[in-house]
């Protein structure tokens, strides 16, 4: 389970979707690993979690982790 999946399991699909302003179905796709968040959504997730889940954790193919 990755850090995003762990966060979703902790806060719940519905609550996280409401926090991000997206559908529960989209968050559920992330939770089961069916789909990765878009780069724009990865940034929104980082902001919404106060940096607990970083964009570079979610999309290391696009974002570089801070040293």
N, C-alpha and C. Protein backbone atom coordinates (compact mmCIF):
# COMPACT_ATOMS: atom_id res chain seq x y z
N UNK A 1 0.85 -1.18 0.00
CA UNK A 1 0.00 0.00 0.00
C UNK A 1 0.90 1.24 0.00
N UNK A 2 0.65 2.17 -0.92
CA UNK A 2 1.47 3.37 -0.97
C UNK A 2 0.90 4.46 -0.04
N UNK A 3 1.60 5.57 0.04
CA UNK A 3 1.23 6.62 0.99
C UNK A 3 -0.14 7.22 0.67
N UNK A 4 -0.48 7.35 -0.60
CA UNK A 4 -1.80 7.87 -0.96
C UNK A 4 -2.89 6.90 -0.55
N UNK A 5 -2.69 5.63 -0.84
CA UNK A 5 -3.67 4.62 -0.46
C UNK A 5 -3.85 4.57 1.05
N UNK A 6 -2.77 4.69 1.79
CA UNK A 6 -2.83 4.70 3.25
C UNK A 6 -3.62 5.91 3.74
N UNK A 7 -3.37 7.06 3.15
CA UNK A 7 -4.09 8.27 3.55
C UNK A 7 -5.58 8.13 3.27
N UNK A 8 -5.93 7.62 2.11
CA UNK A 8 -7.34 7.43 1.77
C UNK A 8 -8.00 6.46 2.74
N UNK A 9 -7.30 5.39 3.10
CA UNK A 9 -7.85 4.42 4.06
C UNK A 9 -8.07 5.07 5.42
N UNK A 10 -7.21 6.02 5.77
CA UNK A 10 -7.31 6.68 7.07
C UNK A 10 -8.47 7.67 7.12
N UNK A 11 -8.60 8.50 6.09
CA UNK A 11 -9.62 9.55 6.13
C UNK A 11 -10.94 9.12 5.50
N UNK A 12 -10.91 8.12 4.65
CA UNK A 12 -12.12 7.64 3.99
C UNK A 12 -12.28 8.23 2.59
N UNK A 13 -12.85 7.43 1.71
CA UNK A 13 -13.03 7.83 0.32
C UNK A 13 -13.93 9.05 0.21
N UNK A 14 -15.07 9.02 0.86
CA UNK A 14 -16.03 10.13 0.76
C UNK A 14 -15.46 11.43 1.29
N UNK A 15 -14.83 11.38 2.44
CA UNK A 15 -14.28 12.59 3.05
C UNK A 15 -13.16 13.17 2.20
N UNK A 16 -12.30 12.31 1.66
CA UNK A 16 -11.19 12.80 0.85
C UNK A 16 -11.71 13.39 -0.47
N UNK A 17 -12.70 12.74 -1.06
CA UNK A 17 -13.29 13.27 -2.30
C UNK A 17 -13.91 14.64 -2.05
N UNK A 18 -14.61 14.79 -0.95
CA UNK A 18 -15.21 16.08 -0.61
C UNK A 18 -14.15 17.14 -0.39
N UNK A 19 -13.08 16.77 0.27
CA UNK A 19 -11.99 17.71 0.53
C UNK A 19 -11.34 18.19 -0.77
N UNK A 20 -11.22 17.30 -1.74
CA UNK A 20 -10.57 17.63 -3.01
C UNK A 20 -11.54 18.20 -4.04
N UNK A 21 -12.84 18.01 -3.80
CA UNK A 21 -13.83 18.47 -4.77
C UNK A 21 -13.89 17.60 -6.00
N UNK A 22 -13.70 16.30 -5.80
CA UNK A 22 -13.78 15.36 -6.93
C UNK A 22 -14.74 14.23 -6.55
N UNK A 23 -14.94 13.31 -7.47
CA UNK A 23 -15.89 12.22 -7.22
C UNK A 23 -15.30 11.13 -6.32
N UNK A 24 -16.18 10.45 -5.62
CA UNK A 24 -15.77 9.31 -4.81
C UNK A 24 -15.21 8.20 -5.69
N UNK A 25 -15.75 8.08 -6.89
CA UNK A 25 -15.28 7.05 -7.81
C UNK A 25 -13.82 7.28 -8.18
N UNK A 26 -13.44 8.54 -8.40
CA UNK A 26 -12.06 8.84 -8.75
C UNK A 26 -11.12 8.47 -7.59
N UNK A 27 -11.49 8.86 -6.38
CA UNK A 27 -10.67 8.53 -5.21
C UNK A 27 -10.60 7.01 -5.03
N UNK A 28 -11.69 6.34 -5.29
CA UNK A 28 -11.70 4.88 -5.19
C UNK A 28 -10.74 4.25 -6.20
N UNK A 29 -10.67 4.80 -7.39
CA UNK A 29 -9.72 4.30 -8.41
C UNK A 29 -8.29 4.45 -7.91
N UNK A 30 -7.99 5.56 -7.26
CA UNK A 30 -6.64 5.74 -6.70
C UNK A 30 -6.38 4.73 -5.60
N UNK A 31 -7.41 4.51 -4.75
CA UNK A 31 -7.26 3.63 -3.59
C UNK A 31 -6.91 2.21 -4.00
N UNK A 32 -7.51 1.74 -5.08
CA UNK A 32 -7.25 0.36 -5.52
C UNK A 32 -6.12 0.27 -6.54
N UNK A 33 -5.55 1.42 -6.93
CA UNK A 33 -4.44 1.42 -7.86
C UNK A 33 -4.83 1.30 -9.31
N UNK A 34 -6.09 1.51 -9.62
CA UNK A 34 -6.56 1.41 -11.00
C UNK A 34 -6.09 2.60 -11.84
N UNK A 35 -5.94 3.75 -11.21
CA UNK A 35 -5.59 4.97 -11.92
C UNK A 35 -4.71 5.83 -11.03
N UNK A 36 -3.75 6.51 -11.63
CA UNK A 36 -2.90 7.45 -10.88
C UNK A 36 -3.51 8.85 -11.00
N UNK A 37 -3.37 9.66 -9.96
CA UNK A 37 -3.85 11.04 -10.05
C UNK A 37 -3.10 11.80 -11.15
N UNK A 38 -3.80 12.73 -11.77
CA UNK A 38 -3.16 13.60 -12.76
C UNK A 38 -2.14 14.48 -12.05
N UNK A 39 -1.21 15.08 -12.78
CA UNK A 39 -0.26 15.99 -12.14
C UNK A 39 -0.95 17.13 -11.39
N UNK A 40 -1.99 17.70 -11.99
CA UNK A 40 -2.73 18.78 -11.33
C UNK A 40 -3.36 18.29 -10.02
N UNK A 41 -3.94 17.09 -10.06
CA UNK A 41 -4.57 16.54 -8.86
C UNK A 41 -3.52 16.15 -7.83
N UNK A 42 -2.36 15.72 -8.26
CA UNK A 42 -1.29 15.39 -7.31
C UNK A 42 -0.91 16.63 -6.49
N UNK A 43 -0.85 17.78 -7.14
CA UNK A 43 -0.57 19.03 -6.42
C UNK A 43 -1.70 19.37 -5.46
N UNK A 44 -2.94 19.16 -5.89
CA UNK A 44 -4.09 19.43 -5.01
C UNK A 44 -4.07 18.51 -3.80
N UNK A 45 -3.68 17.26 -4.00
CA UNK A 45 -3.59 16.31 -2.90
C UNK A 45 -2.52 16.76 -1.91
N UNK A 46 -1.37 17.18 -2.43
CA UNK A 46 -0.30 17.66 -1.56
C UNK A 46 -0.78 18.85 -0.72
N UNK A 47 -1.46 19.79 -1.35
CA UNK A 47 -1.98 20.95 -0.63
C UNK A 47 -3.04 20.55 0.39
N UNK A 48 -3.95 19.67 0.00
CA UNK A 48 -5.05 19.25 0.87
C UNK A 48 -4.56 18.47 2.09
N UNK A 49 -3.44 17.76 1.94
CA UNK A 49 -2.93 16.96 3.06
C UNK A 49 -1.86 17.71 3.85
N UNK A 50 -1.66 18.96 3.51
CA UNK A 50 -0.63 19.74 4.21
C UNK A 50 0.76 19.18 4.02
N UNK A 51 0.99 18.54 2.88
CA UNK A 51 2.31 17.98 2.57
C UNK A 51 2.55 16.58 3.11
N UNK A 52 1.58 16.00 3.79
CA UNK A 52 1.74 14.62 4.28
C UNK A 52 1.89 13.65 3.11
N UNK A 53 1.13 13.90 2.06
CA UNK A 53 1.24 13.13 0.82
C UNK A 53 1.76 14.09 -0.22
N UNK A 54 3.01 13.90 -0.65
CA UNK A 54 3.64 14.82 -1.59
C UNK A 54 3.38 14.41 -3.03
N UNK A 55 3.34 15.40 -3.90
CA UNK A 55 3.14 15.13 -5.33
C UNK A 55 4.23 14.19 -5.84
N UNK A 56 5.44 14.34 -5.34
CA UNK A 56 6.54 13.47 -5.78
C UNK A 56 6.37 12.03 -5.30
N UNK A 57 5.62 11.82 -4.21
CA UNK A 57 5.31 10.46 -3.76
C UNK A 57 4.28 9.80 -4.68
N UNK A 58 3.34 10.63 -5.14
CA UNK A 58 2.24 10.13 -5.96
C UNK A 58 2.67 9.93 -7.41
N UNK A 59 3.40 10.91 -7.95
CA UNK A 59 3.81 10.89 -9.35
C UNK A 59 5.32 11.13 -9.49
N UNK A 60 6.14 10.16 -9.06
CA UNK A 60 7.59 10.33 -9.17
C UNK A 60 8.06 10.40 -10.63
N UNK A 61 7.19 10.02 -11.56
CA UNK A 61 7.52 10.12 -12.98
C UNK A 61 7.48 11.55 -13.48
N UNK A 62 6.87 12.44 -12.71
CA UNK A 62 6.71 13.84 -13.11
C UNK A 62 7.39 14.80 -12.14
N UNK A 63 7.21 14.56 -10.84
CA UNK A 63 7.74 15.45 -9.82
C UNK A 63 8.99 14.85 -9.18
N UNK A 64 9.95 15.71 -8.87
CA UNK A 64 11.18 15.28 -8.22
C UNK A 64 11.08 15.60 -6.74
N UNK A 65 11.41 14.63 -5.90
CA UNK A 65 11.36 14.81 -4.46
C UNK A 65 12.39 15.84 -4.03
N UNK A 66 12.00 16.69 -3.09
CA UNK A 66 12.94 17.67 -2.53
C UNK A 66 14.00 16.95 -1.72
N UNK A 67 15.21 17.42 -1.84
CA UNK A 67 16.32 16.78 -1.13
C UNK A 67 16.34 17.17 0.33
